[in-house]
Amino acid sequence: MPVDEIPPLKPASPTPGGYEFGEAENKVFAGLASKARGVGFWSALYGILLLLNFAYGCLPKRPVDPAGRGHLLGPLRVDRIDWTGGVGDVDLGALITGMVFLLLGLWSRRAASGFDAVAKTRGGDLGHLMGALKELSKLYGFLDRLIFVVVLVVTLAMIAVGVALVVSTVKPGGP
């Protein structure tokens, strides 16, 4: 049922646990919970895969052994950090991005649990709703700060490149 077809909320019912949403609203909450759970699962899975990629990059690669068993892996090493993230190098981008996606996935799944509880339980809808909204607030607060930092870094990088281009085209001793 589209959101614009949902009838307006009726005044709070006199249930012992407080306000209780109706069947139409519960369907909306159940649909939202399902979608949030899916986004949370895939985000967390992607984050875990990126963290595994980072961990794999920490393993030193040795040449193929004479017996033809492929690369021999040595002990875990973090002294091979390389910001380029090439094959066999430690990819810090995978570490940072993996942690971000894992956090987003966890918060999304927690919010989904709250919305699911609104749809499936009786007597505590507002408490479940507030819990789900708190998890969404954490998610959006984190995204707000993350996007601000990314925009700031990109803006500073663009300014630095612009300044470098201007300085490199100015000839000494004249315009």
Protein backbone atom coordinates (compact mmCIF):
# COMPACT_ATOMS: atom_id res chain seq x y z
CA MET A 1 0.00 0.00 0.00
CA PRO A 2 1.55 3.35 -1.04
CA VAL A 3 2.28 5.72 1.80
CA ASP A 4 -0.15 8.35 0.52
CA GLU A 5 -3.02 5.83 0.77
CA ILE A 6 -2.54 5.19 4.49
CA PRO A 7 -5.36 6.70 6.51
CA PRO A 8 -4.39 9.30 9.12
CA LEU A 9 -3.65 8.06 12.62
CA LYS A 10 -6.57 7.86 14.99
CA PRO A 11 -6.23 9.25 18.49
CA ALA A 12 -4.35 7.02 20.88
CA SER A 13 -6.30 3.95 21.85
CA PRO A 14 -6.83 3.21 25.50
CA THR A 15 -4.64 0.07 25.42
CA PRO A 16 -2.66 -0.71 28.56
CA GLY A 17 0.68 -0.35 26.71
CA GLY A 18 -0.06 2.98 25.04
CA TYR A 19 -0.77 3.73 21.40
CA GLU A 20 -1.14 0.77 19.07
CA PHE A 21 -0.78 1.17 15.30
CA GLY A 22 -3.44 -0.36 13.05
CA GLU A 23 -3.07 -3.06 10.41
CA ALA A 24 -2.31 -0.62 7.57
CA GLU A 25 0.46 1.09 9.55
CA ASN A 26 1.87 -2.27 10.65
CA LYS A 27 2.19 -3.30 6.98
CA VAL A 28 4.22 -0.14 6.33
CA PHE A 29 6.45 -0.87 9.33
CA ALA A 30 6.87 -4.50 8.26
CA GLY A 31 7.85 -3.44 4.73
CA LEU A 32 10.30 -0.89 6.06
CA ALA A 33 11.77 -3.47 8.44
CA SER A 34 12.23 -5.94 5.58
CA LYS A 35 14.00 -3.39 3.38
CA ALA A 36 16.17 -2.07 6.23
CA ARG A 37 17.11 -5.64 7.17
CA GLY A 38 18.13 -6.35 3.57
CA VAL A 39 20.19 -3.17 3.30
CA GLY A 40 21.78 -3.95 6.66
CA PHE A 41 22.65 -7.50 5.63
CA TRP A 42 24.22 -6.54 2.31
CA SER A 43 26.06 -3.54 3.80
CA ALA A 44 27.48 -5.63 6.63
CA LEU A 45 28.44 -8.44 4.22
CA TYR A 46 30.20 -5.97 1.92
CA GLY A 47 32.00 -4.47 4.92
CA ILE A 48 33.15 -7.91 6.06
CA LEU A 49 34.41 -8.75 2.56
CA LEU A 50 36.38 -5.49 2.45
CA LEU A 51 37.87 -6.21 5.89
CA LEU A 52 38.87 -9.68 4.68
CA ASN A 53 40.46 -8.05 1.63
CA PHE A 54 42.43 -5.79 3.96
CA ALA A 55 43.51 -8.75 6.11
CA TYR A 56 44.58 -10.69 3.02
CA GLY A 57 46.69 -7.73 1.93
CA CYS A 58 48.54 -7.91 5.25
CA LEU A 59 49.74 -11.42 4.44
CA PRO A 60 53.14 -11.38 2.74
CA LYS A 61 53.27 -13.21 -0.56
CA ARG A 62 56.23 -15.41 -1.37
CA PRO A 63 57.12 -16.71 -4.79
CA VAL A 64 55.46 -19.85 -6.02
CA ASP A 65 57.13 -22.84 -4.40
CA PRO A 66 58.84 -25.47 -6.57
CA ALA A 67 56.17 -28.06 -5.78
CA GLY A 68 53.64 -25.87 -7.62
CA ARG A 69 51.38 -25.24 -4.64
CA GLY A 70 51.02 -21.52 -5.40
CA HIS A 71 51.97 -18.69 -3.08
CA LEU A 72 53.16 -19.49 0.41
CA LEU A 73 51.65 -17.22 3.03
CA GLY A 74 53.82 -16.03 5.87
CA PRO A 75 52.87 -14.46 9.20
CA LEU A 76 50.56 -11.45 9.33
CA ARG A 77 52.44 -8.20 8.63
CA VAL A 78 51.24 -4.63 8.74
CA ASP A 79 54.54 -3.02 7.78
CA ARG A 80 53.68 -3.28 4.07
CA ILE A 81 51.08 -0.49 4.13
CA ASP A 82 50.64 1.11 0.72
CA TRP A 83 47.93 3.70 0.07
CA THR A 84 47.63 2.63 -3.57
CA GLY A 85 46.00 -0.66 -2.60
CA GLY A 86 47.60 -2.68 -5.39
CA VAL A 87 47.51 -6.45 -5.53
CA GLY A 88 49.34 -7.88 -2.55
CA ASP A 89 49.59 -4.54 -0.81
CA VAL A 90 47.77 -3.52 2.34
CA ASP A 91 44.73 -1.55 1.23
CA LEU A 92 43.82 1.03 3.88
CA GLY A 93 40.90 2.11 1.74
CA ALA A 94 39.41 -1.36 2.17
CA LEU A 95 39.91 -1.12 5.94
CA ILE A 96 38.18 2.26 6.25
CA THR A 97 35.39 1.48 3.78
CA GLY A 98 34.85 -1.95 5.31
CA MET A 99 34.45 -0.47 8.78
CA VAL A 100 32.01 2.16 7.45
CA PHE A 101 29.84 -0.40 5.66
CA LEU A 102 29.91 -2.74 8.65
CA LEU A 103 28.70 0.05 10.95
CA LEU A 104 25.99 1.11 8.50
CA GLY A 105 24.84 -2.48 8.20
CA LEU A 106 24.69 -3.01 11.94
CA TRP A 107 22.73 0.20 12.60
CA SER A 108 20.36 -0.56 9.74
CA ARG A 109 19.67 -4.06 11.06
CA ARG A 110 19.07 -2.72 14.58
CA ALA A 111 16.59 -0.18 13.22
CA ALA A 112 14.92 -2.98 11.24
CA SER A 113 14.45 -4.97 14.45
CA GLY A 114 12.67 -2.02 16.05
CA PHE A 115 10.38 -1.48 13.06
CA ASP A 116 9.68 -5.22 12.93
CA ALA A 117 8.74 -5.18 16.61
CA VAL A 118 6.28 -2.34 15.96
CA ALA A 119 4.58 -4.45 13.30
CA LYS A 120 4.59 -7.79 15.15
CA THR A 121 4.00 -7.00 18.83
CA ARG A 122 1.16 -5.46 20.78
CA GLY A 123 1.35 -2.98 23.60
CA GLY A 124 4.70 -1.28 23.05
CA ASP A 125 4.61 0.28 19.59
CA LEU A 126 5.86 3.72 20.62
CA GLY A 127 8.78 2.30 22.61
CA HIS A 128 9.81 0.08 19.68
CA LEU A 129 9.40 2.96 17.26
CA MET A 130 11.57 5.25 19.38
CA GLY A 131 14.26 2.57 19.61
CA ALA A 132 14.28 2.15 15.84
CA LEU A 133 14.42 5.92 15.34
CA LYS A 134 17.41 6.18 17.71
CA GLU A 135 19.29 3.63 15.58
CA LEU A 136 18.40 5.55 12.42
CA SER A 137 19.58 8.74 14.12
CA LYS A 138 22.99 7.12 14.75
CA LEU A 139 23.17 6.01 11.12
CA TYR A 140 22.26 9.43 9.72
CA GLY A 141 24.46 11.27 12.21
CA PHE A 142 27.40 9.15 11.12
CA LEU A 143 26.61 9.69 7.42
CA ASP A 144 26.28 13.43 8.02
CA ARG A 145 29.76 13.64 9.56
CA LEU A 146 31.27 11.27 6.99
CA ILE A 147 29.90 13.18 4.01
CA PHE A 148 31.05 16.49 5.53
CA VAL A 149 34.60 15.14 5.93
CA VAL A 150 34.65 13.73 2.38
CA VAL A 151 33.38 17.00 0.89
CA LEU A 152 35.95 18.94 2.93
CA VAL A 153 38.85 16.70 1.84
CA VAL A 154 37.79 16.78 -1.83
CA THR A 155 37.40 20.56 -1.73
CA LEU A 156 40.85 21.02 -0.17
CA ALA A 157 42.36 18.63 -2.72
CA MET A 158 40.75 20.57 -5.58
CA ILE A 159 42.09 23.84 -4.20
CA ALA A 160 45.56 22.33 -3.82
CA VAL A 161 45.53 21.04 -7.40
CA GLY A 162 44.30 24.43 -8.66
CA VAL A 163 47.05 26.26 -6.79
CA ALA A 164 49.66 23.80 -8.06
CA LEU A 165 48.50 24.32 -11.64
CA VAL A 166 48.62 28.10 -11.31
CA VAL A 167 52.06 28.04 -9.69
CA SER A 168 53.44 25.63 -12.29
CA THR A 169 52.31 27.85 -15.22
CA VAL A 170 53.77 31.11 -13.86
CA LYS A 171 57.18 31.75 -15.37
CA PRO A 172 59.88 33.19 -13.13
CA GLY A 173 60.54 36.86 -13.78
CA GLY A 174 57.28 37.67 -15.56
CA PRO A 175 53.56 36.99 -16.00
